[in-house]
Structures are given as C-alpha cells and as structure tokens.
C-alpha cells in the first residue's frame, strides 16, 4: 500500500489537477479557487452532504452580505443565516454550526491563534463544535490552518479502496498511516487529497470511467466497480 501511495502522488505531481492547484506546501488554494483560510473553513462546513456547485452559490450569497468573515458570522441571526446559505443541504444545522464556530474561534483570538496550537488540541477544539466531524475538522486543519493531517472523505474511501484494494479499516488508522508515511509534510498530504478529490469527482464514480482515469495503470479493481474499503 505505502509504495503505491508514492506512485499515486507521483502521478499527481506530473498532471495538472482539474479544479484544484496545489503549487506549494502552504498553498491556501482550495477546491473552486478559494484562497483564504476563512473561506476554506466556511466552505468545509457547508460542503457536508452537498454538491460543490451549491456551496459556491451559498458562498456567493455570504460574500454579498459581507459574511465571509468569521468575526461577523457569530453575530448573525440563525434564521437569517439559514436563508443566506439556502442552496446547501441541512442549512439550519449548518447555520448553527457556522455561528458556534465563529463565536468559538473569535473567543480564542481567530484562526491564526488556532493555527499556533498543538494539532491535537486544535482537533479536539473543532470536534467539540456540534456539526463538525472528523473529516471536516481535518480538512480545516490541513488546508485552512496548514497543519499536517488527512481527511478521510468518501472520495478517499472510494478511490483508495479501488486502487489499492484496501480491506476494511477505520478512519483513524487510515489517516495516521497516510500522515505518518508522508512524515507530516504538508505538500504531499495536500496534493494527495486534492488529486484523490479530482479523481473521485470526475473518474472514479459509482460507475467508474476507468479508461480516462489517471490512476488506471495502478488500479487493482479497474472496470469492476468493486469497493473493498469502507468505514
């Protein structure tokens, strides 16, 4: 498995990724061209169980209201915020989550103060906010805070499950294995996640487009659609 992770990463190094550019270790780039820590954190919460196109619409609404600012989100009425982010699913619970996230982060001094904390402290802090699970917390930590972790998303489970023919394992085992293999280096972790997201979105679907997939030559389950890995 570990040698194949290196092979996967090498493919991503040599191929421009659709929709996502990781050009340096502390790149603030996120899916769709977002490039600020605040936008990344907000979108990571909004994208749960939601198509990215709908997240973009919700972000544009927030931008029009001047609310892509964590300090301001905490002062917005929950019902009003729910209407503003209406394009996304679970908008009421996400509005509550965004408000709590904004208040809690503002109380401790902002995202930069959070970034300077120990990674396990940061992770516990984020997971204590209702509506933020492990995947969302790890996405915020890796891309908004530039700290080494790895979100185990549905795309990660599907792509690595097929390409590596992984047997069942748990979230933490896979996350720690990947982070440890790349020795806590930001660039490989970001590039691997961005590449897997691209492959999962455009090629490794429920009905995979194996002949077009950049990971075709490495995949142990091409054309079978078999998913051996699940959490």
Protein backbone atom coordinates (compact mmCIF):
# COMPACT_ATOMS: atom_id res chain seq x y z
CA UNK A 1 0.00 0.00 0.00
CA UNK A 2 2.65 2.52 1.06
CA UNK A 3 4.72 2.19 -2.12
CA UNK A 4 1.57 2.71 -4.16
CA UNK A 5 0.81 5.91 -2.27
CA UNK A 6 4.14 7.22 -3.53
CA UNK A 7 3.25 6.14 -7.08
CA UNK A 8 -0.15 7.85 -6.84
CA UNK A 9 1.45 11.04 -5.58
CA UNK A 10 4.00 11.00 -8.40
CA UNK A 11 1.17 10.87 -10.95
CA UNK A 12 -0.46 13.88 -9.30
CA UNK A 13 2.86 15.75 -9.29
CA UNK A 14 3.12 15.36 -13.06
CA UNK A 15 -0.51 16.01 -14.00
CA UNK A 16 -2.45 19.26 -13.65
CA UNK A 17 -5.48 18.61 -11.46
CA UNK A 18 -8.88 19.74 -12.65
CA UNK A 19 -10.35 22.38 -10.36
CA UNK A 20 -7.56 22.38 -7.78
CA UNK A 21 -3.97 23.63 -7.90
CA UNK A 22 -1.52 22.75 -5.14
CA UNK A 23 1.65 24.64 -6.02
CA UNK A 24 3.49 24.92 -2.71
CA UNK A 25 3.36 23.43 0.82
CA UNK A 26 1.42 26.27 2.41
CA UNK A 27 -0.76 26.92 -0.60
CA UNK A 28 -4.11 28.34 0.55
CA UNK A 29 -5.79 27.02 -2.57
CA UNK A 30 -8.96 25.03 -2.12
CA UNK A 31 -11.46 23.50 -4.48
CA UNK A 32 -13.06 26.08 -6.80
CA UNK A 33 -10.24 28.60 -6.45
CA UNK A 34 -10.93 29.69 -2.87
CA UNK A 35 -7.76 31.06 -1.35
CA UNK A 36 -8.33 32.41 2.14
CA UNK A 37 -8.32 30.41 5.39
CA UNK A 38 -11.72 31.82 6.36
CA UNK A 39 -13.35 30.85 3.06
CA UNK A 40 -11.81 27.37 3.28
CA UNK A 41 -13.08 26.81 6.82
CA UNK A 42 -16.58 28.07 6.00
CA UNK A 43 -16.80 26.01 2.80
CA UNK A 44 -15.56 22.88 4.59
CA UNK A 45 -18.58 23.15 6.88
CA UNK A 46 -21.00 23.97 4.05
CA UNK A 47 -19.90 21.15 1.75
CA UNK A 48 -21.00 18.33 4.05
CA UNK A 49 -23.50 16.14 2.12
CA UNK A 50 -23.79 18.89 -0.51
CA UNK A 51 -22.73 19.32 -4.12
CA UNK A 52 -19.90 21.80 -4.56
CA UNK A 53 -21.93 23.83 -7.06
CA UNK A 54 -24.46 24.55 -4.30
CA UNK A 55 -21.69 25.51 -1.91
CA UNK A 56 -20.44 28.06 -4.45
CA UNK A 57 -23.90 29.62 -4.60
CA UNK A 58 -24.07 29.80 -0.80
CA UNK A 59 -20.59 31.34 -0.64
CA UNK A 60 -21.60 33.98 -3.17
CA UNK A 61 -24.62 34.83 -1.01
CA UNK A 62 -22.36 35.15 2.04
CA UNK A 63 -19.98 37.33 0.04
CA UNK A 64 -22.81 39.66 -0.99
CA UNK A 65 -23.78 40.07 2.67
CA UNK A 66 -20.18 40.63 3.77
CA UNK A 67 -20.22 37.45 5.82
CA UNK A 68 -17.13 35.64 4.60
CA UNK A 69 -15.64 36.97 7.82
CA UNK A 70 -15.59 34.67 10.83
CA UNK A 71 -15.81 37.59 13.25
CA UNK A 72 -19.12 38.69 11.72
CA UNK A 73 -20.78 35.30 11.33
CA UNK A 74 -21.23 34.87 15.07
CA UNK A 75 -23.48 37.93 15.27
CA UNK A 76 -25.92 36.85 12.56
CA UNK A 77 -29.40 35.58 13.41
CA UNK A 78 -29.61 31.83 12.87
CA UNK A 79 -32.76 32.06 10.74
CA UNK A 80 -31.29 34.83 8.59
CA UNK A 81 -28.07 32.87 8.05
CA UNK A 82 -30.09 29.78 7.15
CA UNK A 83 -31.79 31.77 4.37
CA UNK A 84 -28.47 33.13 3.12
CA UNK A 85 -26.96 29.63 2.80
CA UNK A 86 -30.21 28.16 1.48
CA UNK A 87 -28.59 26.48 -1.58
CA UNK A 88 -26.85 23.90 0.64
CA UNK A 89 -28.43 20.91 2.32
CA UNK A 90 -29.03 20.86 6.08
CA UNK A 91 -28.89 24.65 6.05
CA UNK A 92 -30.38 25.16 9.52
CA UNK A 93 -27.93 22.86 11.27
CA UNK A 94 -25.06 24.32 9.23
CA UNK A 95 -26.14 27.85 10.16
CA UNK A 96 -26.00 26.87 13.84
CA UNK A 97 -22.60 25.25 13.30
CA UNK A 98 -21.17 28.29 11.50
CA UNK A 99 -22.38 30.63 14.24
CA UNK A 100 -20.89 28.48 17.01
CA UNK A 101 -17.67 28.02 15.05
CA UNK A 102 -17.42 31.78 14.53
CA UNK A 103 -18.02 32.59 18.20
CA UNK A 104 -15.62 29.95 19.50
CA UNK A 105 -12.80 30.86 17.09
CA UNK A 106 -13.26 34.59 17.74
CA UNK A 107 -13.14 33.99 21.50
CA UNK A 108 -9.72 32.34 21.30
CA UNK A 109 -8.29 35.07 19.05
CA UNK A 110 -9.01 33.90 15.48
CA UNK A 111 -7.75 31.28 13.06
CA UNK A 112 -4.12 32.38 13.36
CA UNK A 113 -4.21 31.78 17.13
CA UNK A 114 -5.81 28.39 16.48
CA UNK A 115 -3.07 27.56 13.98
CA UNK A 116 -0.37 28.09 16.60
CA UNK A 117 -1.88 25.49 18.94
CA UNK A 118 -0.84 21.84 19.09
CA UNK A 119 -2.59 19.85 16.38
CA UNK A 120 -4.36 17.50 18.78
CA UNK A 121 -5.64 20.45 20.79
CA UNK A 122 -6.93 22.05 17.58
CA UNK A 123 -8.60 18.80 16.53
CA UNK A 124 -10.31 18.40 19.90
CA UNK A 125 -11.43 22.02 19.78
CA UNK A 126 -13.02 21.63 16.34
CA UNK A 127 -14.63 18.28 17.16
CA UNK A 128 -16.25 19.85 20.24
CA UNK A 129 -18.32 22.08 17.93
CA UNK A 130 -21.63 20.45 17.08
CA UNK A 131 -21.81 19.80 13.35
CA UNK A 132 -18.07 19.38 12.79
CA UNK A 133 -16.98 15.76 12.38
CA UNK A 134 -13.57 14.25 11.79
CA UNK A 135 -13.47 14.80 8.03
CA UNK A 136 -14.48 18.45 8.29
CA UNK A 137 -12.08 19.07 11.17
CA UNK A 138 -9.18 17.50 9.27
CA UNK A 139 -10.00 19.47 6.12
CA UNK A 140 -9.92 22.73 8.09
CA UNK A 141 -6.70 21.75 9.85
CA UNK A 142 -4.88 20.75 6.67
CA UNK A 143 -5.98 23.48 4.26
CA UNK A 144 -7.06 26.45 6.40
CA UNK A 145 -4.51 26.05 9.21
CA UNK A 146 -1.62 24.41 7.31
CA UNK A 147 -1.13 21.63 9.83
CA UNK A 148 -0.45 18.00 8.83
CA UNK A 149 -3.43 15.68 8.89
CA UNK A 150 -5.51 13.91 6.24
CA UNK A 151 -9.32 13.99 5.80
CA UNK A 152 -10.74 10.55 5.02
CA UNK A 153 -13.58 11.62 2.71
CA UNK A 154 -15.95 9.48 0.68
CA UNK A 155 -13.72 10.13 -2.32
CA UNK A 156 -10.70 8.89 -0.36
CA UNK A 157 -12.53 5.74 0.68
CA UNK A 158 -13.74 5.02 -2.84
CA UNK A 159 -10.56 5.83 -4.77
CA UNK A 160 -8.07 4.22 -2.41
CA UNK A 161 -10.44 1.33 -1.86
CA UNK A 162 -10.41 0.56 -5.56
CA UNK A 163 -6.86 1.50 -6.49
CA UNK A 164 -5.21 -0.18 -3.51
CA UNK A 165 -7.85 -2.87 -2.94
CA UNK A 166 -7.88 -1.99 0.74
CA UNK A 167 -9.66 -4.17 3.21
CA UNK A 168 -11.89 -2.67 5.87
CA UNK A 169 -10.14 -0.35 8.31
CA UNK A 170 -11.16 2.60 10.44
CA UNK A 171 -10.88 6.34 9.89
CA UNK A 172 -8.07 6.97 12.36
CA UNK A 173 -5.96 4.04 11.20
CA UNK A 174 -6.02 5.21 7.58
CA UNK A 175 -5.49 8.87 8.49
CA UNK A 176 -2.49 8.15 10.71
CA UNK A 177 -1.00 5.71 8.20
CA UNK A 178 -1.07 8.31 5.41
CA UNK A 179 0.18 11.17 7.61
CA UNK A 180 2.96 9.00 9.02
CA UNK A 181 4.02 7.73 5.61
CA UNK A 182 4.49 11.26 4.33
CA UNK A 183 6.21 12.30 7.57
CA UNK A 184 3.84 15.16 8.35
CA UNK A 185 4.82 17.02 5.16
CA UNK A 186 2.12 19.43 4.04
CA UNK A 187 2.69 19.35 0.30
CA UNK A 188 2.30 15.57 -0.23
CA UNK A 189 -0.73 15.46 2.05
CA UNK A 190 -2.44 18.37 0.28
CA UNK A 191 -1.56 17.12 -3.19
CA UNK A 192 -2.74 13.58 -2.43
CA UNK A 193 -6.06 14.81 -1.09
CA UNK A 194 -6.59 17.25 -3.96
CA UNK A 195 -5.71 14.57 -6.53
CA UNK A 196 -7.98 11.97 -4.99
CA UNK A 197 -10.82 14.51 -4.88
CA UNK A 198 -10.35 15.22 -8.59
CA UNK A 199 -10.22 11.51 -9.46
CA UNK A 200 -13.28 10.76 -7.34
CA UNK A 201 -15.31 13.64 -8.77
CA UNK A 202 -14.52 13.09 -12.45
CA UNK A 203 -13.44 9.47 -12.95
CA UNK A 204 -13.82 7.09 -10.01
CA UNK A 205 -17.59 7.39 -9.76
CA UNK A 206 -20.17 4.80 -8.79
CA UNK A 207 -19.92 3.82 -12.45
CA UNK A 208 -16.20 4.47 -12.95
CA UNK A 209 -14.61 5.89 -16.10
CA UNK A 210 -11.55 3.69 -15.79
CA UNK A 211 -10.15 4.27 -19.28
CA UNK A 212 -9.95 8.03 -18.61
CA UNK A 213 -8.64 7.84 -15.05
CA UNK A 214 -5.04 8.98 -14.44
CA UNK A 215 -4.66 6.18 -11.88
CA UNK A 216 -5.73 3.46 -14.32
CA UNK A 217 -2.38 1.66 -14.51
CA UNK A 218 -2.18 1.37 -10.71
CA UNK A 219 -5.76 0.32 -10.03
CA UNK A 220 -6.35 -3.23 -8.84
CA UNK A 221 -10.10 -3.06 -9.47
CA UNK A 222 -10.45 -1.13 -12.74
CA UNK A 223 -13.75 -1.67 -14.53
CA UNK A 224 -15.06 -3.87 -11.73
CA UNK A 225 -16.58 -1.02 -9.72
CA UNK A 226 -15.69 -3.05 -6.65
CA UNK A 227 -15.27 -1.12 -3.43
CA UNK A 228 -13.45 -3.19 -0.85
CA UNK A 229 -12.77 -0.38 1.57
CA UNK A 230 -15.41 1.05 3.85
CA UNK A 231 -15.55 2.66 7.28
